[in-house]
Amino acid sequence: VFAKLAPFRGCDLIFTGDLNADFVRTRDRKLRLLERFAEIGLSLVSVNTGVSFRAGSGTRIDHVLVGGSLRGESAEYDWSAIDREHPGCLKCSHGVPDHALLKAMINL
């Protein structure tokens, strides 16, 4: 992934997805993903609360990163479109998909 993104260094770019890494968990920080993204000019748009994936106790494995002149102002995990009958339920599988929608405010 990093080799494919390298040519876009300095370009306005939004990169988002399920990275299967929660940057708060010690074992995931060891992957050095944030440092690798920073090397190609991408920075993480922070999400202050909530979880993006409900398995177990819930984790933040869905992320958005921006590069170039773009600046991430804020982001949030939104379960409202998914959890219609059981809002906020982390240990159930009532919603499909099992990931929250990730909404981000990006400034040009």
Protein backbone atom coordinates (compact mmCIF):
# COMPACT_ATOMS: atom_id res chain seq x y z
CA VAL A 1 0.00 0.00 0.00
CA PHE A 2 2.71 2.48 0.95
CA ALA A 3 4.62 2.00 -2.31
CA LYS A 4 1.44 2.64 -4.29
CA LEU A 5 0.66 5.79 -2.28
CA ALA A 6 4.20 7.22 -2.42
CA PRO A 7 3.76 8.87 -5.86
CA PHE A 8 0.89 10.90 -4.40
CA ARG A 9 3.06 12.50 -1.71
CA GLY A 10 2.18 16.20 -1.51
CA CYS A 11 -1.06 15.76 -3.49
CA ASP A 12 -4.47 16.44 -2.02
CA LEU A 13 -5.55 12.96 -1.01
CA ILE A 14 -8.14 11.37 1.25
CA PHE A 15 -7.39 7.78 2.26
CA THR A 16 -10.04 5.92 4.23
CA GLY A 17 -10.82 2.39 5.19
CA ASP A 18 -10.73 -0.50 7.60
CA LEU A 19 -7.04 -0.69 8.52
CA ASN A 20 -7.53 -3.48 11.10
CA ALA A 21 -5.45 -1.44 13.54
CA ASP A 22 -6.61 0.50 16.58
CA PHE A 23 -3.87 3.07 17.20
CA VAL A 24 -4.66 3.13 20.92
CA ARG A 25 -3.90 -0.57 21.48
CA THR A 26 -0.24 -1.25 22.23
CA ARG A 27 0.05 -4.24 19.91
CA ASP A 28 -1.37 -2.22 17.00
CA ARG A 29 0.93 0.75 17.66
CA LYS A 30 3.83 -1.63 17.11
CA LEU A 31 2.75 -1.92 13.48
CA ARG A 32 4.03 1.65 13.01
CA LEU A 33 1.25 2.36 10.53
CA LEU A 34 0.86 6.00 11.56
CA GLU A 35 4.59 6.59 11.10
CA ARG A 36 4.49 4.93 7.68
CA PHE A 37 1.55 7.07 6.60
CA ALA A 38 3.33 10.19 7.89
CA GLU A 39 6.39 9.29 5.77
CA ILE A 40 4.24 9.67 2.66
CA GLY A 41 2.60 12.86 3.90
CA LEU A 42 -0.70 11.56 5.28
CA SER A 43 -2.04 12.50 8.71
CA LEU A 44 -4.80 10.90 10.73
CA VAL A 45 -8.10 12.72 11.21
CA SER A 46 -8.86 12.12 14.88
CA VAL A 47 -12.10 10.67 16.19
CA ASN A 48 -12.65 11.56 19.84
CA THR A 49 -15.31 9.08 20.91
CA GLY A 50 -16.97 5.81 20.04
CA VAL A 51 -15.90 2.68 18.22
CA SER A 52 -15.95 1.76 14.57
CA PHE A 53 -16.19 -2.03 14.87
CA ARG A 54 -18.44 -3.68 17.40
CA ALA A 55 -16.74 -7.08 17.86
CA GLY A 56 -15.75 -7.82 21.45
CA SER A 57 -15.64 -4.57 23.40
CA GLY A 58 -15.35 -2.51 20.25
CA THR A 59 -12.32 -0.99 18.53
CA ARG A 60 -11.38 1.92 16.31
CA ILE A 61 -10.06 0.19 13.21
CA ASP A 62 -11.71 2.39 10.57
CA HIS A 63 -9.76 5.56 9.82
CA VAL A 64 -9.47 8.51 7.49
CA LEU A 65 -6.14 10.15 6.63
CA VAL A 66 -5.52 13.27 4.56
CA GLY A 67 -2.57 14.64 2.63
CA GLY A 68 -1.46 17.65 0.63
CA SER A 69 -3.25 20.88 1.49
CA LEU A 70 -6.20 19.04 3.04
CA ARG A 71 -6.72 19.28 6.79
CA GLY A 72 -8.93 16.98 8.79
CA GLU A 73 -11.02 18.99 11.21
CA SER A 74 -12.95 16.19 12.89
CA ALA A 75 -14.43 12.75 12.36
CA GLU A 76 -17.05 10.60 14.00
CA TYR A 77 -18.31 7.04 13.94
CA ASP A 78 -22.02 7.04 13.18
CA TRP A 79 -24.11 4.00 14.07
CA SER A 80 -27.48 5.72 13.56
CA ALA A 81 -28.09 4.33 10.07
CA ILE A 82 -27.27 0.82 11.27
CA ASP A 83 -28.51 0.51 14.87
CA ARG A 84 -32.15 1.36 14.40
CA GLU A 85 -33.51 -1.16 16.91
CA HIS A 86 -30.55 -1.42 19.29
CA PRO A 87 -28.65 1.91 19.32
CA GLY A 88 -25.12 1.64 20.66
CA CYS A 89 -25.22 -2.13 21.13
CA LEU A 90 -21.58 -3.26 20.93
CA LYS A 91 -22.03 -6.97 21.53
CA CYS A 92 -24.93 -7.74 19.24
CA SER A 93 -25.11 -8.20 15.51
CA HIS A 94 -28.44 -6.55 14.76
CA GLY A 95 -26.99 -4.16 12.23
CA VAL A 96 -25.36 -4.85 8.91
CA PRO A 97 -22.55 -4.02 8.42
CA ASP A 98 -20.72 -4.49 11.71
CA HIS A 99 -18.75 -1.26 11.15
CA ALA A 100 -20.00 2.25 11.79
CA LEU A 101 -20.16 4.85 9.06
CA LEU A 102 -17.11 7.08 9.29
CA LYS A 103 -17.92 10.73 8.69
CA ALA A 104 -15.15 13.32 8.46
CA MET A 105 -14.96 17.07 8.07
CA ILE A 106 -12.09 17.93 5.72
CA ASN A 107 -10.93 21.50 5.00
CA LEU A 108 -9.35 22.55 1.73
